[in-house]
Amino acid sequence: MSLNTIQSKPFSSSSEENKHVILDSIQPLLKDSKSVLEIASGTGQHAVFFAKNMPHLIWHTSDLLQSHEGIDRWIFEAQLDNVVRPITLNVSEDTWPTETYDAIFSANSFHIMSKENVADFFSKLPAILNSTGLVIIYGPFNYHGNFTSESNARFNDWLKSNNSQSGIKDFEWCNELANKAGLVLIDDIEMPQNNRILVWQKS
């Protein structure tokens, strides 16, 4: 089936709900950037929305192979010159790109990943980030080993019932991994629905 015959696209209601508030937070951060690699692009909704609203950026997508068709559907329909079709990227198993980027973005991925995946993610960043590049992560985090809400605790139980290796990660642990990778935390933004945007910069 060619892209020209594709009629329907995968749809994430959470991506639709949070895309505007995420854009409001990341647009000022990315005003001087030229290239972004999105890790775990999911349906592709965020990629085309952010690329459309930040036309100065080239938005590169990535995900597991099974998600590529859906991402391609969104990209094909959007007909944007500044969003790039996905590469296959399992952060722990696949070869990472050899090119470098001004920013790395990922939304709602860390709680799906295992701790090994997150550690591998941070370890790969120095090689693909340009000088003073940004790492922007959206999603729920624990602080001092505690959930920030009862709903996050219930969500964590649900995640682990589906995959024992997944679960909401501790901010302090992620920040330690980031520091080891030569990144410095420059912002921790409170978001709706008990989510955060964590922003690190290559030092």
N, C-alpha and C. Protein backbone atom coordinates (compact mmCIF):
# COMPACT_ATOMS: atom_id res chain seq x y z
N MET A 1 0.85 -1.20 0.00
CA MET A 1 0.00 0.00 0.00
C MET A 1 0.88 1.24 0.00
N SER A 2 0.64 2.14 -0.92
CA SER A 2 1.42 3.36 -0.98
C SER A 2 0.84 4.39 -0.03
N LEU A 3 1.67 5.37 0.31
CA LEU A 3 1.19 6.43 1.20
C LEU A 3 0.03 7.19 0.57
N ASN A 4 -0.03 7.22 -0.76
CA ASN A 4 -1.09 7.96 -1.44
C ASN A 4 -2.47 7.36 -1.18
N THR A 5 -2.52 6.06 -0.80
CA THR A 5 -3.81 5.41 -0.60
C THR A 5 -4.21 5.37 0.88
N ILE A 6 -3.35 5.84 1.75
CA ILE A 6 -3.64 5.77 3.18
C ILE A 6 -4.72 6.78 3.55
N GLN A 7 -5.76 6.31 4.24
CA GLN A 7 -6.87 7.17 4.61
C GLN A 7 -6.88 7.51 6.10
N SER A 8 -6.51 6.56 6.95
CA SER A 8 -6.62 6.76 8.39
C SER A 8 -5.24 6.81 9.03
N LYS A 9 -5.19 7.40 10.20
CA LYS A 9 -3.94 7.55 10.93
C LYS A 9 -4.15 7.08 12.36
N PRO A 10 -3.10 6.60 13.03
CA PRO A 10 -3.22 6.31 14.46
C PRO A 10 -3.47 7.61 15.22
N PHE A 11 -4.15 7.51 16.34
CA PHE A 11 -4.51 8.72 17.07
C PHE A 11 -4.33 8.49 18.57
N SER A 12 -3.65 9.41 19.21
CA SER A 12 -3.48 9.39 20.66
C SER A 12 -4.21 10.58 21.26
N SER A 13 -5.20 10.30 22.10
CA SER A 13 -5.96 11.40 22.70
C SER A 13 -5.07 12.22 23.64
N SER A 14 -4.13 11.56 24.33
CA SER A 14 -3.26 12.30 25.24
C SER A 14 -2.34 13.25 24.47
N SER A 15 -1.85 12.80 23.32
CA SER A 15 -1.01 13.68 22.49
C SER A 15 -1.79 14.88 22.00
N GLU A 16 -3.05 14.65 21.65
CA GLU A 16 -3.90 15.74 21.19
C GLU A 16 -4.15 16.74 22.32
N GLU A 17 -4.32 16.22 23.53
CA GLU A 17 -4.64 17.07 24.67
C GLU A 17 -3.44 17.88 25.15
N ASN A 18 -2.24 17.30 25.06
CA ASN A 18 -1.09 17.97 25.67
C ASN A 18 -0.21 18.73 24.69
N LYS A 19 -0.49 18.64 23.40
CA LYS A 19 0.42 19.22 22.40
C LYS A 19 0.53 20.75 22.54
N HIS A 20 -0.56 21.41 22.89
CA HIS A 20 -0.52 22.88 22.98
C HIS A 20 0.28 23.34 24.19
N VAL A 21 0.09 22.68 25.34
CA VAL A 21 0.82 23.11 26.54
C VAL A 21 2.30 22.76 26.43
N ILE A 22 2.61 21.65 25.78
CA ILE A 22 4.02 21.31 25.56
C ILE A 22 4.65 22.33 24.62
N LEU A 23 3.95 22.67 23.55
CA LEU A 23 4.48 23.66 22.61
C LEU A 23 4.77 24.98 23.33
N ASP A 24 3.85 25.42 24.18
CA ASP A 24 4.05 26.69 24.89
C ASP A 24 5.35 26.68 25.70
N SER A 25 5.72 25.50 26.21
CA SER A 25 6.93 25.41 27.05
C SER A 25 8.20 25.23 26.23
N ILE A 26 8.12 24.47 25.14
CA ILE A 26 9.35 24.15 24.41
C ILE A 26 9.67 25.16 23.31
N GLN A 27 8.68 25.91 22.85
CA GLN A 27 8.93 26.87 21.76
C GLN A 27 10.00 27.90 22.13
N PRO A 28 9.94 28.50 23.32
CA PRO A 28 11.01 29.45 23.69
C PRO A 28 12.37 28.77 23.82
N LEU A 29 12.38 27.53 24.28
CA LEU A 29 13.64 26.81 24.45
C LEU A 29 14.32 26.52 23.12
N LEU A 30 13.51 26.32 22.08
CA LEU A 30 14.03 25.88 20.79
C LEU A 30 14.12 27.01 19.77
N LYS A 31 13.98 28.23 20.21
CA LYS A 31 13.94 29.35 19.25
C LYS A 31 15.24 29.51 18.48
N ASP A 32 16.37 29.08 19.07
CA ASP A 32 17.66 29.22 18.39
C ASP A 32 18.18 27.89 17.85
N SER A 33 17.39 26.85 17.95
CA SER A 33 17.80 25.53 17.47
C SER A 33 17.41 25.36 16.00
N LYS A 34 18.12 24.47 15.35
CA LYS A 34 17.84 24.20 13.94
C LYS A 34 17.41 22.76 13.69
N SER A 35 17.80 21.85 14.59
CA SER A 35 17.48 20.44 14.38
C SER A 35 17.12 19.78 15.71
N VAL A 36 16.09 18.93 15.66
CA VAL A 36 15.64 18.19 16.83
C VAL A 36 15.47 16.73 16.44
N LEU A 37 15.96 15.83 17.29
CA LEU A 37 15.66 14.41 17.16
C LEU A 37 14.65 14.04 18.23
N GLU A 38 13.50 13.56 17.81
CA GLU A 38 12.49 13.08 18.75
C GLU A 38 12.67 11.59 18.96
N ILE A 39 12.84 11.20 20.20
CA ILE A 39 12.94 9.79 20.57
C ILE A 39 11.55 9.28 20.92
N ALA A 40 11.15 8.17 20.32
CA ALA A 40 9.83 7.58 20.55
C ALA A 40 8.73 8.53 20.08
N SER A 41 8.65 8.69 18.77
CA SER A 41 7.68 9.63 18.18
C SER A 41 6.25 9.14 18.25
N GLY A 42 6.03 7.88 18.60
CA GLY A 42 4.68 7.39 18.82
C GLY A 42 3.83 7.40 17.57
N THR A 43 2.70 8.10 17.64
CA THR A 43 1.82 8.18 16.48
C THR A 43 2.35 9.13 15.41
N GLY A 44 3.18 10.08 15.81
CA GLY A 44 3.64 11.12 14.90
C GLY A 44 2.90 12.43 15.05
N GLN A 45 1.90 12.47 15.92
CA GLN A 45 1.11 13.69 16.10
C GLN A 45 1.94 14.87 16.60
N HIS A 46 2.75 14.61 17.63
CA HIS A 46 3.59 15.69 18.15
C HIS A 46 4.54 16.20 17.08
N ALA A 47 5.14 15.29 16.33
CA ALA A 47 6.15 15.69 15.34
C ALA A 47 5.58 16.69 14.35
N VAL A 48 4.43 16.38 13.78
CA VAL A 48 3.90 17.28 12.74
C VAL A 48 3.37 18.57 13.35
N PHE A 49 2.82 18.50 14.56
CA PHE A 49 2.31 19.71 15.20
C PHE A 49 3.44 20.66 15.56
N PHE A 50 4.50 20.12 16.16
CA PHE A 50 5.62 20.96 16.54
C PHE A 50 6.37 21.48 15.32
N ALA A 51 6.53 20.64 14.31
CA ALA A 51 7.22 21.08 13.09
C ALA A 51 6.44 22.19 12.40
N LYS A 52 5.12 22.08 12.38
CA LYS A 52 4.30 23.12 11.75
C LYS A 52 4.41 24.44 12.49
N ASN A 53 4.47 24.37 13.81
CA ASN A 53 4.50 25.59 14.63
C ASN A 53 5.89 26.14 14.87
N MET A 54 6.91 25.36 14.50
CA MET A 54 8.30 25.84 14.60
C MET A 54 9.00 25.58 13.27
N PRO A 55 8.61 26.33 12.24
CA PRO A 55 9.11 26.05 10.89
C PRO A 55 10.60 26.26 10.71
N HIS A 56 11.25 26.91 11.68
CA HIS A 56 12.71 27.09 11.58
C HIS A 56 13.47 25.82 11.92
N LEU A 57 12.77 24.81 12.46
CA LEU A 57 13.38 23.56 12.89
C LEU A 57 13.23 22.47 11.84
N ILE A 58 14.23 21.59 11.76
CA ILE A 58 14.07 20.31 11.10
C ILE A 58 13.79 19.29 12.20
N TRP A 59 12.61 18.68 12.16
CA TRP A 59 12.17 17.76 13.21
C TRP A 59 12.36 16.32 12.72
N HIS A 60 13.30 15.61 13.33
CA HIS A 60 13.61 14.23 12.96
C HIS A 60 12.84 13.29 13.87
N THR A 61 12.21 12.28 13.30
CA THR A 61 11.41 11.34 14.08
C THR A 61 12.13 10.00 14.19
N SER A 62 11.77 9.25 15.23
CA SER A 62 12.32 7.91 15.43
C SER A 62 11.37 7.10 16.29
N ASP A 63 11.42 5.80 16.13
CA ASP A 63 10.64 4.89 16.98
C ASP A 63 10.96 3.47 16.58
N LEU A 64 10.34 2.51 17.26
CA LEU A 64 10.45 1.12 16.87
C LEU A 64 9.79 0.94 15.49
N LEU A 65 10.24 -0.05 14.77
CA LEU A 65 9.81 -0.23 13.38
C LEU A 65 8.29 -0.33 13.25
N GLN A 66 7.64 -0.97 14.21
CA GLN A 66 6.19 -1.17 14.10
C GLN A 66 5.40 0.13 14.16
N SER A 67 6.03 1.21 14.62
CA SER A 67 5.34 2.50 14.68
C SER A 67 5.55 3.35 13.44
N HIS A 68 6.42 2.93 12.54
CA HIS A 68 6.78 3.78 11.41
C HIS A 68 5.62 4.07 10.46
N GLU A 69 4.80 3.08 10.20
CA GLU A 69 3.71 3.30 9.24
C GLU A 69 2.78 4.41 9.73
N GLY A 70 2.45 4.38 11.02
CA GLY A 70 1.57 5.42 11.55
C GLY A 70 2.20 6.79 11.51
N ILE A 71 3.48 6.87 11.87
CA ILE A 71 4.18 8.16 11.80
C ILE A 71 4.21 8.67 10.37
N ASP A 72 4.48 7.77 9.43
CA ASP A 72 4.51 8.15 8.02
C ASP A 72 3.17 8.70 7.55
N ARG A 73 2.09 8.16 8.07
CA ARG A 73 0.76 8.64 7.68
C ARG A 73 0.58 10.11 8.08
N TRP A 74 0.97 10.42 9.32
CA TRP A 74 0.85 11.80 9.77
C TRP A 74 1.75 12.73 8.96
N ILE A 75 2.98 12.28 8.70
CA ILE A 75 3.92 13.12 7.95
C ILE A 75 3.43 13.34 6.53
N PHE A 76 2.93 12.27 5.89
CA PHE A 76 2.46 12.39 4.51
C PHE A 76 1.30 13.37 4.41
N GLU A 77 0.36 13.26 5.35
CA GLU A 77 -0.80 14.14 5.29
C GLU A 77 -0.43 15.59 5.58
N ALA A 78 0.54 15.80 6.47
CA ALA A 78 0.92 17.17 6.84
C ALA A 78 1.63 17.91 5.71
N GLN A 79 2.38 17.17 4.87
CA GLN A 79 3.07 17.78 3.73
C GLN A 79 3.96 18.95 4.17
N LEU A 80 4.77 18.70 5.19
CA LEU A 80 5.69 19.71 5.69
C LEU A 80 7.11 19.43 5.20
N ASP A 81 7.84 20.48 4.91
CA ASP A 81 9.22 20.31 4.45
C ASP A 81 10.21 20.10 5.58
N ASN A 82 9.78 20.33 6.81
CA ASN A 82 10.74 20.32 7.93
C ASN A 82 10.51 19.19 8.92
N VAL A 83 9.84 18.11 8.51
CA VAL A 83 9.72 16.94 9.37
C VAL A 83 10.21 15.73 8.57
N VAL A 84 11.07 14.93 9.19
CA VAL A 84 11.78 13.85 8.52
C VAL A 84 11.19 12.50 8.92
N ARG A 85 11.03 11.62 7.94
CA ARG A 85 10.48 10.29 8.20
C ARG A 85 11.31 9.54 9.23
N PRO A 86 10.68 8.60 9.96
CA PRO A 86 11.33 7.99 11.13
C PRO A 86 12.48 7.05 10.79
N ILE A 87 13.45 7.05 11.69
CA ILE A 87 14.47 6.02 11.71
C ILE A 87 14.10 5.01 12.78
N THR A 88 14.59 3.79 12.64
CA THR A 88 14.35 2.76 13.64
C THR A 88 15.32 2.95 14.79
N LEU A 89 14.78 3.12 15.99
CA LEU A 89 15.66 3.37 17.14
C LEU A 89 15.08 2.80 18.42
N ASN A 90 15.59 1.65 18.80
CA ASN A 90 15.44 1.14 20.16
C ASN A 90 16.68 1.63 20.90
N VAL A 91 16.50 2.42 21.94
CA VAL A 91 17.64 3.13 22.54
C VAL A 91 18.72 2.19 23.06
N SER A 92 18.36 0.94 23.36
CA SER A 92 19.33 0.00 23.92
C SER A 92 19.88 -0.98 22.87
N GLU A 93 19.21 -1.12 21.75
CA GLU A 93 19.59 -2.19 20.82
C GLU A 93 20.06 -1.70 19.45
N ASP A 94 19.51 -0.60 18.96
CA ASP A 94 19.82 -0.15 17.61
C ASP A 94 21.01 0.81 17.59
N THR A 95 21.63 0.91 16.42
CA THR A 95 22.70 1.87 16.23
C THR A 95 22.11 3.28 16.16
N TRP A 96 22.65 4.17 16.96
CA TRP A 96 22.16 5.55 16.98
C TRP A 96 22.66 6.32 15.77
N PRO A 97 22.01 7.42 15.42
CA PRO A 97 22.46 8.22 14.26
C PRO A 97 23.90 8.71 14.45
N THR A 98 24.56 8.94 13.32
CA THR A 98 25.92 9.49 13.38
C THR A 98 25.91 11.01 13.29
N GLU A 99 24.79 11.59 12.85
CA GLU A 99 24.71 13.05 12.80
C GLU A 99 24.41 13.61 14.19
N THR A 100 24.58 14.90 14.33
CA THR A 100 24.32 15.55 15.62
C THR A 100 23.16 16.52 15.50
N TYR A 101 22.57 16.86 16.65
CA TYR A 101 21.36 17.66 16.70
C TYR A 101 21.51 18.76 17.74
N ASP A 102 20.71 19.81 17.58
CA ASP A 102 20.70 20.90 18.56
C ASP A 102 19.87 20.55 19.79
N ALA A 103 18.96 19.60 19.64
CA ALA A 103 18.10 19.22 20.76
C ALA A 103 17.60 17.79 20.58
N ILE A 104 17.35 17.14 21.71
CA ILE A 104 16.70 15.83 21.77
C ILE A 104 15.40 16.02 22.54
N PHE A 105 14.30 15.52 22.00
CA PHE A 105 13.00 15.65 22.65
C PHE A 105 12.37 14.27 22.77
N SER A 106 11.70 14.04 23.89
CA SER A 106 10.93 12.81 24.05
C SER A 106 9.78 13.05 25.01
N ALA A 107 8.63 12.52 24.65
CA ALA A 107 7.43 12.70 25.48
C ALA A 107 6.83 11.34 25.84
N ASN A 108 6.48 11.20 27.10
CA ASN A 108 5.80 10.00 27.60
C ASN A 108 6.51 8.72 27.20
N SER A 109 7.83 8.72 27.35
CA SER A 109 8.62 7.54 26.99
C SER A 109 9.33 6.92 28.18
N PHE A 110 9.82 7.74 29.11
CA PHE A 110 10.64 7.21 30.19
C PHE A 110 9.87 6.21 31.04
N HIS A 111 8.59 6.44 31.29
CA HIS A 111 7.84 5.51 32.13
C HIS A 111 7.52 4.20 31.39
N ILE A 112 7.65 4.19 30.07
CA ILE A 112 7.48 2.97 29.30
C ILE A 112 8.79 2.18 29.27
N MET A 113 9.90 2.90 29.24
CA MET A 113 11.22 2.27 29.17
C MET A 113 11.58 1.57 30.48
N SER A 114 12.48 0.60 30.38
CA SER A 114 13.08 0.01 31.56
C SER A 114 14.16 0.96 32.08
N LYS A 115 14.65 0.70 33.28
CA LYS A 115 15.74 1.52 33.80
C LYS A 115 16.99 1.39 32.93
N GLU A 116 17.22 0.19 32.39
CA GLU A 116 18.35 -0.01 31.48
C GLU A 116 18.20 0.86 30.24
N ASN A 117 16.98 0.94 29.69
CA ASN A 117 16.73 1.78 28.52
C ASN A 117 17.06 3.23 28.81
N VAL A 118 16.61 3.73 29.95
CA VAL A 118 16.84 5.14 30.29
C VAL A 118 18.32 5.40 30.48
N ALA A 119 19.01 4.48 31.13
CA ALA A 119 20.46 4.63 31.32
C ALA A 119 21.18 4.64 29.97
N ASP A 120 20.77 3.76 29.07
CA ASP A 120 21.36 3.73 27.72
C ASP A 120 21.06 5.02 26.97
N PHE A 121 19.85 5.53 27.13
CA PHE A 121 19.47 6.78 26.49
C PHE A 121 20.45 7.89 26.86
N PHE A 122 20.67 8.08 28.14
CA PHE A 122 21.55 9.17 28.57
C PHE A 122 23.00 8.94 28.13
N SER A 123 23.43 7.69 28.13
CA SER A 123 24.82 7.40 27.78
C SER A 123 25.12 7.73 26.32
N LYS A 124 24.11 7.70 25.47
CA LYS A 124 24.31 7.95 24.03
C LYS A 124 24.26 9.44 23.68
N LEU A 125 23.75 10.26 24.58
CA LEU A 125 23.50 11.66 24.24
C LEU A 125 24.75 12.48 23.90
N PRO A 126 25.87 12.33 24.61
CA PRO A 126 27.01 13.19 24.30
C PRO A 126 27.45 13.12 22.85
N ALA A 127 27.32 11.95 22.22
CA ALA A 127 27.81 11.78 20.85
C ALA A 127 26.89 12.42 19.81
N ILE A 128 25.62 12.65 20.15
CA ILE A 128 24.69 13.16 19.13
C ILE A 128 24.22 14.59 19.39
N LEU A 129 24.67 15.17 20.51
CA LEU A 129 24.25 16.54 20.84
C LEU A 129 25.32 17.53 20.42
N ASN A 130 24.89 18.58 19.75
CA ASN A 130 25.80 19.68 19.45
C ASN A 130 26.19 20.42 20.72
N SER A 131 27.20 21.24 20.64
CA SER A 131 27.63 22.04 21.78
C SER A 131 26.48 22.87 22.31
N THR A 132 26.29 22.85 23.60
CA THR A 132 25.18 23.52 24.31
C THR A 132 23.80 22.99 23.89
N GLY A 133 23.77 21.79 23.33
CA GLY A 133 22.49 21.20 22.92
C GLY A 133 21.59 20.91 24.11
N LEU A 134 20.28 20.82 23.84
CA LEU A 134 19.27 20.62 24.88
C LEU A 134 18.69 19.21 24.84
N VAL A 135 18.31 18.73 26.01
CA VAL A 135 17.56 17.48 26.14
C VAL A 135 16.28 17.82 26.88
N ILE A 136 15.14 17.58 26.23
CA ILE A 136 13.84 17.99 26.76
C ILE A 136 12.97 16.74 26.91
N ILE A 137 12.58 16.43 28.14
CA ILE A 137 11.82 15.22 28.44
C ILE A 137 10.50 15.59 29.10
N TYR A 138 9.40 15.11 28.52
CA TYR A 138 8.06 15.35 29.07
C TYR A 138 7.50 14.05 29.64
N GLY A 139 6.88 14.15 30.81
CA GLY A 139 6.23 12.98 31.39
C GLY A 139 6.17 13.07 32.90
N PRO A 140 5.67 12.02 33.55
CA PRO A 140 5.60 12.00 35.02
C PRO A 140 6.93 11.58 35.62
N PHE A 141 7.27 12.13 36.77
CA PHE A 141 8.48 11.76 37.50
C PHE A 141 8.17 11.70 38.99
N ASN A 142 8.89 10.85 39.70
CA ASN A 142 8.84 10.83 41.15
C ASN A 142 9.93 11.75 41.71
N TYR A 143 9.69 12.26 42.91
CA TYR A 143 10.67 13.11 43.58
C TYR A 143 10.94 12.55 44.97
N HIS A 144 12.22 12.37 45.29
CA HIS A 144 12.63 11.79 46.58
C HIS A 144 11.96 10.44 46.82
N GLY A 145 11.78 9.69 45.73
CA GLY A 145 11.21 8.35 45.82
C GLY A 145 9.71 8.31 46.00
N ASN A 146 9.05 9.46 45.91
CA ASN A 146 7.61 9.52 46.16
C ASN A 146 6.85 9.93 44.90
N PHE A 147 5.65 9.37 44.76
CA PHE A 147 4.77 9.80 43.68
C PHE A 147 4.25 11.20 43.97
N THR A 148 4.03 11.97 42.94
CA THR A 148 3.54 13.34 43.13
C THR A 148 2.02 13.40 43.24
N SER A 149 1.35 12.29 42.99
CA SER A 149 -0.12 12.26 43.12
C SER A 149 -0.59 10.81 43.24
N GLU A 150 -1.79 10.63 43.74
CA GLU A 150 -2.37 9.29 43.83
C GLU A 150 -2.61 8.73 42.43
N SER A 151 -2.97 9.60 41.49
CA SER A 151 -3.22 9.12 40.13
C SER A 151 -1.93 8.59 39.50
N ASN A 152 -0.80 9.22 39.80
CA ASN A 152 0.48 8.72 39.28
C ASN A 152 0.82 7.36 39.90
N ALA A 153 0.49 7.19 41.17
CA ALA A 153 0.74 5.90 41.82
C ALA A 153 -0.10 4.81 41.18
N ARG A 154 -1.36 5.12 40.89
CA ARG A 154 -2.23 4.14 40.22
C ARG A 154 -1.72 3.86 38.81
N PHE A 155 -1.28 4.90 38.12
CA PHE A 155 -0.75 4.74 36.77
C PHE A 155 0.49 3.84 36.80
N ASN A 156 1.33 4.02 37.80
CA ASN A 156 2.53 3.21 37.91
C ASN A 156 2.17 1.74 38.12
N ASP A 157 1.17 1.47 38.95
CA ASP A 157 0.71 0.09 39.16
C ASP A 157 0.23 -0.52 37.85
N TRP A 158 -0.51 0.28 37.08
CA TRP A 158 -1.01 -0.21 35.79
C TRP A 158 0.13 -0.50 34.83
N LEU A 159 1.12 0.38 34.80
CA LEU A 159 2.28 0.17 33.93
C LEU A 159 2.98 -1.15 34.28
N LYS A 160 3.22 -1.36 35.56
CA LYS A 160 3.95 -2.56 35.99
C LYS A 160 3.13 -3.84 35.81
N SER A 161 1.81 -3.71 35.81
CA SER A 161 0.98 -4.89 35.56
C SER A 161 1.09 -5.35 34.11
N ASN A 162 1.45 -4.41 33.23
CA ASN A 162 1.64 -4.74 31.83
C ASN A 162 3.09 -5.11 31.50
N ASN A 163 4.02 -4.49 32.22
CA ASN A 163 5.45 -4.74 32.00
C ASN A 163 6.19 -4.40 33.29
N SER A 164 6.71 -5.39 33.94
CA SER A 164 7.33 -5.18 35.25
C SER A 164 8.57 -4.29 35.17
N GLN A 165 9.15 -4.13 33.97
CA GLN A 165 10.35 -3.31 33.80
C GLN A 165 10.03 -1.83 33.60
N SER A 166 8.77 -1.51 33.35
CA SER A 166 8.38 -0.12 33.14
C SER A 166 8.04 0.52 34.48
N GLY A 167 7.68 1.80 34.45
CA GLY A 167 7.30 2.49 35.68
C GLY A 167 7.85 3.90 35.70
N ILE A 168 7.22 4.76 36.50
CA ILE A 168 7.64 6.16 36.62
C ILE A 168 9.03 6.22 37.26
N LYS A 169 9.90 6.99 36.66
CA LYS A 169 11.30 7.06 37.11
C LYS A 169 11.49 8.20 38.12
N ASP A 170 12.52 8.04 38.95
CA ASP A 170 12.86 9.07 39.93
C ASP A 170 13.64 10.20 39.27
N PHE A 171 13.24 11.42 39.53
CA PHE A 171 13.94 12.58 38.99
C PHE A 171 15.42 12.57 39.37
N GLU A 172 15.70 12.31 40.64
CA GLU A 172 17.09 12.39 41.11
C GLU A 172 17.99 11.40 40.38
N TRP A 173 17.47 10.20 40.13
CA TRP A 173 18.24 9.19 39.40
C TRP A 173 18.49 9.64 37.97
N CYS A 174 17.46 10.16 37.30
CA CYS A 174 17.61 10.65 35.93
C CYS A 174 18.62 11.80 35.88
N ASN A 175 18.54 12.68 36.86
CA ASN A 175 19.44 13.82 36.87
C ASN A 175 20.89 13.38 37.08
N GLU A 176 21.09 12.34 37.88
CA GLU A 176 22.44 11.80 38.08
C GLU A 176 22.99 11.23 36.77
N LEU A 177 22.14 10.50 36.04
CA LEU A 177 22.56 9.97 34.73
C LEU A 177 22.89 11.10 33.77
N ALA A 178 22.07 12.15 33.80
CA ALA A 178 22.31 13.30 32.93
C ALA A 178 23.63 13.96 33.26
N ASN A 179 23.91 14.15 34.54
CA ASN A 179 25.17 14.76 34.96
C ASN A 179 26.37 13.95 34.50
N LYS A 180 26.27 12.63 34.58
CA LYS A 180 27.35 11.75 34.14
C LYS A 180 27.59 11.88 32.63
N ALA A 181 26.52 12.25 31.90
CA ALA A 181 26.61 12.42 30.45
C ALA A 181 27.03 13.83 30.07
N GLY A 182 27.38 14.64 31.07
CA GLY A 182 27.83 16.00 30.79
C GLY A 182 26.70 16.99 30.58
N LEU A 183 25.54 16.70 31.17
CA LEU A 183 24.38 17.57 31.04
C LEU A 183 24.08 18.25 32.37
N VAL A 184 23.59 19.47 32.28
CA VAL A 184 23.23 20.23 33.48
C VAL A 184 21.75 20.60 33.41
N LEU A 185 21.02 20.36 34.49
CA LEU A 185 19.60 20.71 34.53
C LEU A 185 19.44 22.23 34.50
N ILE A 186 18.65 22.73 33.54
CA ILE A 186 18.42 24.17 33.48
C ILE A 186 16.96 24.54 33.75
N ASP A 187 16.06 23.55 33.75
CA ASP A 187 14.67 23.86 34.08
C ASP A 187 13.91 22.59 34.42
N ASP A 188 12.93 22.75 35.30
CA ASP A 188 12.01 21.69 35.69
C ASP A 188 10.64 22.35 35.74
N ILE A 189 9.85 22.11 34.69
CA ILE A 189 8.61 22.86 34.47
C ILE A 189 7.41 22.02 34.88
N GLU A 190 6.59 22.57 35.75
CA GLU A 190 5.36 21.88 36.15
C GLU A 190 4.35 21.95 35.01
N MET A 191 3.74 20.81 34.70
CA MET A 191 2.78 20.70 33.61
C MET A 191 1.46 20.15 34.13
N PRO A 192 0.39 20.28 33.36
CA PRO A 192 -0.90 19.72 33.79
C PRO A 192 -0.84 18.20 33.94
N GLN A 193 -1.82 17.66 34.65
CA GLN A 193 -1.97 16.21 34.82
C GLN A 193 -0.75 15.56 35.49
N ASN A 194 -0.13 16.29 36.41
CA ASN A 194 0.98 15.74 37.21
C ASN A 194 2.18 15.32 36.36
N ASN A 195 2.41 16.04 35.28
CA ASN A 195 3.57 15.82 34.43
C ASN A 195 4.58 16.94 34.61
N ARG A 196 5.79 16.72 34.09
CA ARG A 196 6.86 17.71 34.13
C ARG A 196 7.50 17.82 32.75
N ILE A 197 8.20 18.91 32.53
CA ILE A 197 9.16 18.99 31.43
C ILE A 197 10.52 19.26 32.06
N LEU A 198 11.42 18.30 31.90
CA LEU A 198 12.78 18.43 32.40
C LEU A 198 13.68 18.86 31.25
N VAL A 199 14.52 19.85 31.49
CA VAL A 199 15.37 20.38 30.44
C VAL A 199 16.83 20.37 30.92
N TRP A 200 17.66 19.62 30.20
CA TRP A 200 19.09 19.59 30.47
C TRP A 200 19.83 20.23 29.29
N GLN A 201 21.02 20.74 29.56
CA GLN A 201 21.85 21.33 28.51
C GLN A 201 23.25 20.75 28.58
N LYS A 202 23.80 20.48 27.41
CA LYS A 202 25.18 19.98 27.34
C LYS A 202 26.12 21.07 27.80
N SER A 203 27.01 20.73 28.70
CA SER A 203 27.92 21.72 29.27
C SER A 203 29.33 21.57 28.71
